[in-house]
Amino acid sequence: MASVGKTLQQESSVLERVTRVETIVDEVLPHFATKADMERQTRLLVMWMIATQIALAALILTVLGN
């Protein structure tokens, strides 16, 4: 009977650990980026790179023009 008690104790320990993990996941999950967030960030990054290249090209043309 000691092994049955030990098995029930281990099962209870596992259930407690799973509950803690689920709680942590539920707390952290809303903070993860969604697919839409990633697409928006990618779009902003591409726009920033294009704007930077245009500004650099304008600067080079200005320097070469003088």
N, C-alpha and C. Protein backbone atom coordinates (compact mmCIF):
# COMPACT_ATOMS: atom_id res chain seq x y z
N MET A 1 0.81 -1.19 0.00
CA MET A 1 0.00 0.00 0.00
C MET A 1 0.85 1.26 0.00
N ALA A 2 2.08 1.12 0.41
CA ALA A 2 2.95 2.30 0.46
C ALA A 2 3.20 2.81 -0.95
N SER A 3 3.28 1.89 -1.92
CA SER A 3 3.53 2.33 -3.29
C SER A 3 2.33 3.08 -3.87
N VAL A 4 1.12 2.71 -3.44
CA VAL A 4 -0.08 3.41 -3.91
C VAL A 4 -0.08 4.84 -3.37
N GLY A 5 0.25 5.00 -2.11
CA GLY A 5 0.32 6.33 -1.51
C GLY A 5 1.39 7.18 -2.17
N LYS A 6 2.53 6.55 -2.46
CA LYS A 6 3.63 7.27 -3.12
C LYS A 6 3.21 7.68 -4.54
N THR A 7 2.51 6.81 -5.24
CA THR A 7 2.05 7.11 -6.59
C THR A 7 1.04 8.26 -6.56
N LEU A 8 0.11 8.24 -5.60
CA LEU A 8 -0.86 9.32 -5.48
C LEU A 8 -0.17 10.64 -5.14
N GLN A 9 0.86 10.58 -4.31
CA GLN A 9 1.60 11.78 -3.95
C GLN A 9 2.33 12.33 -5.19
N GLN A 10 2.93 11.45 -5.99
CA GLN A 10 3.61 11.87 -7.21
C GLN A 10 2.62 12.48 -8.19
N GLU A 11 1.44 11.87 -8.31
CA GLU A 11 0.41 12.38 -9.21
C GLU A 11 -0.05 13.77 -8.76
N SER A 12 -0.22 13.94 -7.48
CA SER A 12 -0.61 15.24 -6.95
C SER A 12 0.47 16.28 -7.22
N SER A 13 1.73 15.89 -7.08
CA SER A 13 2.85 16.80 -7.35
C SER A 13 2.88 17.20 -8.83
N VAL A 14 2.64 16.24 -9.69
CA VAL A 14 2.63 16.52 -11.13
C VAL A 14 1.48 17.45 -11.47
N LEU A 15 0.31 17.23 -10.90
CA LEU A 15 -0.84 18.09 -11.16
C LEU A 15 -0.57 19.52 -10.68
N GLU A 16 0.08 19.66 -9.53
CA GLU A 16 0.41 21.00 -9.04
C GLU A 16 1.38 21.70 -9.98
N ARG A 17 2.37 20.97 -10.48
CA ARG A 17 3.36 21.55 -11.39
C ARG A 17 2.70 21.95 -12.71
N VAL A 18 1.81 21.12 -13.23
CA VAL A 18 1.11 21.43 -14.47
C VAL A 18 0.24 22.67 -14.27
N THR A 19 -0.41 22.77 -13.13
CA THR A 19 -1.24 23.93 -12.83
C THR A 19 -0.40 25.20 -12.79
N ARG A 20 0.80 25.12 -12.18
CA ARG A 20 1.68 26.29 -12.14
C ARG A 20 2.12 26.70 -13.54
N VAL A 21 2.47 25.71 -14.37
CA VAL A 21 2.89 26.01 -15.74
C VAL A 21 1.75 26.65 -16.52
N GLU A 22 0.54 26.12 -16.40
CA GLU A 22 -0.61 26.69 -17.09
C GLU A 22 -0.86 28.13 -16.64
N THR A 23 -0.70 28.39 -15.36
CA THR A 23 -0.90 29.74 -14.84
C THR A 23 0.12 30.70 -15.44
N ILE A 24 1.37 30.28 -15.50
CA ILE A 24 2.42 31.11 -16.07
C ILE A 24 2.16 31.37 -17.55
N VAL A 25 1.77 30.35 -18.28
CA VAL A 25 1.49 30.50 -19.70
C VAL A 25 0.32 31.46 -19.91
N ASP A 26 -0.71 31.33 -19.09
CA ASP A 26 -1.87 32.23 -19.21
C ASP A 26 -1.49 33.68 -18.93
N GLU A 27 -0.53 33.90 -18.04
CA GLU A 27 -0.09 35.26 -17.73
C GLU A 27 0.79 35.84 -18.82
N VAL A 28 1.61 35.00 -19.46
CA VAL A 28 2.60 35.48 -20.43
C VAL A 28 2.00 35.56 -21.84
N LEU A 29 1.07 34.71 -22.17
CA LEU A 29 0.53 34.61 -23.52
C LEU A 29 0.03 35.93 -24.11
N PRO A 30 -0.67 36.78 -23.36
CA PRO A 30 -1.14 38.04 -23.96
C PRO A 30 -0.01 38.98 -24.38
N HIS A 31 1.19 38.76 -23.87
CA HIS A 31 2.31 39.65 -24.19
C HIS A 31 3.07 39.22 -25.44
N PHE A 32 2.77 38.08 -25.98
CA PHE A 32 3.43 37.62 -27.20
C PHE A 32 2.92 38.40 -28.40
N ALA A 33 3.78 38.58 -29.39
CA ALA A 33 3.39 39.28 -30.61
C ALA A 33 2.52 38.37 -31.46
N THR A 34 1.50 38.95 -32.07
CA THR A 34 0.65 38.20 -32.98
C THR A 34 1.22 38.31 -34.40
N LYS A 35 0.64 37.57 -35.30
CA LYS A 35 1.07 37.62 -36.70
C LYS A 35 0.87 39.03 -37.26
N ALA A 36 -0.23 39.67 -36.91
CA ALA A 36 -0.51 41.03 -37.37
C ALA A 36 0.54 42.01 -36.83
N ASP A 37 0.93 41.84 -35.57
CA ASP A 37 1.97 42.69 -34.99
C ASP A 37 3.29 42.54 -35.75
N MET A 38 3.64 41.32 -36.08
CA MET A 38 4.89 41.07 -36.79
C MET A 38 4.85 41.66 -38.20
N GLU A 39 3.71 41.53 -38.87
CA GLU A 39 3.58 42.11 -40.22
C GLU A 39 3.69 43.63 -40.17
N ARG A 40 3.07 44.25 -39.17
CA ARG A 40 3.13 45.70 -39.02
C ARG A 40 4.57 46.16 -38.76
N GLN A 41 5.28 45.44 -37.91
CA GLN A 41 6.67 45.79 -37.62
C GLN A 41 7.55 45.62 -38.85
N THR A 42 7.32 44.59 -39.62
CA THR A 42 8.08 44.37 -40.84
C THR A 42 7.84 45.50 -41.82
N ARG A 43 6.58 45.90 -41.98
CA ARG A 43 6.23 46.99 -42.87
C ARG A 43 6.91 48.29 -42.43
N LEU A 44 6.88 48.58 -41.14
CA LEU A 44 7.52 49.78 -40.62
C LEU A 44 9.03 49.75 -40.84
N LEU A 45 9.63 48.60 -40.66
CA LEU A 45 11.08 48.47 -40.86
C LEU A 45 11.44 48.70 -42.33
N VAL A 46 10.67 48.15 -43.24
CA VAL A 46 10.94 48.35 -44.67
C VAL A 46 10.76 49.81 -45.04
N MET A 47 9.71 50.45 -44.52
CA MET A 47 9.50 51.87 -44.81
C MET A 47 10.66 52.71 -44.26
N TRP A 48 11.16 52.39 -43.09
CA TRP A 48 12.27 53.11 -42.49
C TRP A 48 13.53 52.94 -43.33
N MET A 49 13.78 51.74 -43.81
CA MET A 49 14.97 51.48 -44.65
C MET A 49 14.87 52.27 -45.96
N ILE A 50 13.72 52.29 -46.58
CA ILE A 50 13.55 53.03 -47.83
C ILE A 50 13.75 54.52 -47.59
N ALA A 51 13.15 55.05 -46.52
CA ALA A 51 13.31 56.47 -46.20
C ALA A 51 14.77 56.82 -45.92
N THR A 52 15.48 55.95 -45.25
CA THR A 52 16.90 56.18 -44.97
C THR A 52 17.71 56.20 -46.27
N GLN A 53 17.41 55.28 -47.17
CA GLN A 53 18.14 55.25 -48.45
C GLN A 53 17.85 56.49 -49.28
N ILE A 54 16.61 56.96 -49.27
CA ILE A 54 16.27 58.18 -50.01
C ILE A 54 17.01 59.37 -49.40
N ALA A 55 17.04 59.45 -48.08
CA ALA A 55 17.75 60.55 -47.42
C ALA A 55 19.25 60.50 -47.74
N LEU A 56 19.82 59.32 -47.73
CA LEU A 56 21.25 59.19 -48.06
C LEU A 56 21.51 59.57 -49.51
N ALA A 57 20.64 59.17 -50.42
CA ALA A 57 20.80 59.53 -51.83
C ALA A 57 20.70 61.04 -52.00
N ALA A 58 19.77 61.69 -51.31
CA ALA A 58 19.63 63.15 -51.38
C ALA A 58 20.87 63.82 -50.83
N LEU A 59 21.42 63.30 -49.75
CA LEU A 59 22.63 63.86 -49.16
C LEU A 59 23.82 63.73 -50.11
N ILE A 60 23.95 62.57 -50.74
CA ILE A 60 25.05 62.36 -51.70
C ILE A 60 24.90 63.29 -52.88
N LEU A 61 23.68 63.43 -53.41
CA LEU A 61 23.47 64.34 -54.54
C LEU A 61 23.76 65.80 -54.15
N THR A 62 23.41 66.16 -52.94
CA THR A 62 23.70 67.51 -52.47
C THR A 62 25.20 67.75 -52.34
N VAL A 63 25.90 66.79 -51.80
CA VAL A 63 27.34 66.93 -51.63
C VAL A 63 28.04 66.96 -52.98
N LEU A 64 27.62 66.11 -53.90
CA LEU A 64 28.26 66.06 -55.23
C LEU A 64 27.89 67.28 -56.07
N GLY A 65 26.75 67.88 -55.80
CA GLY A 65 26.30 69.06 -56.58
C GLY A 65 27.09 70.31 -56.23
N ASN A 66 27.66 70.37 -55.06
CA ASN A 66 28.42 71.57 -54.64
C ASN A 66 29.82 71.42 -54.99
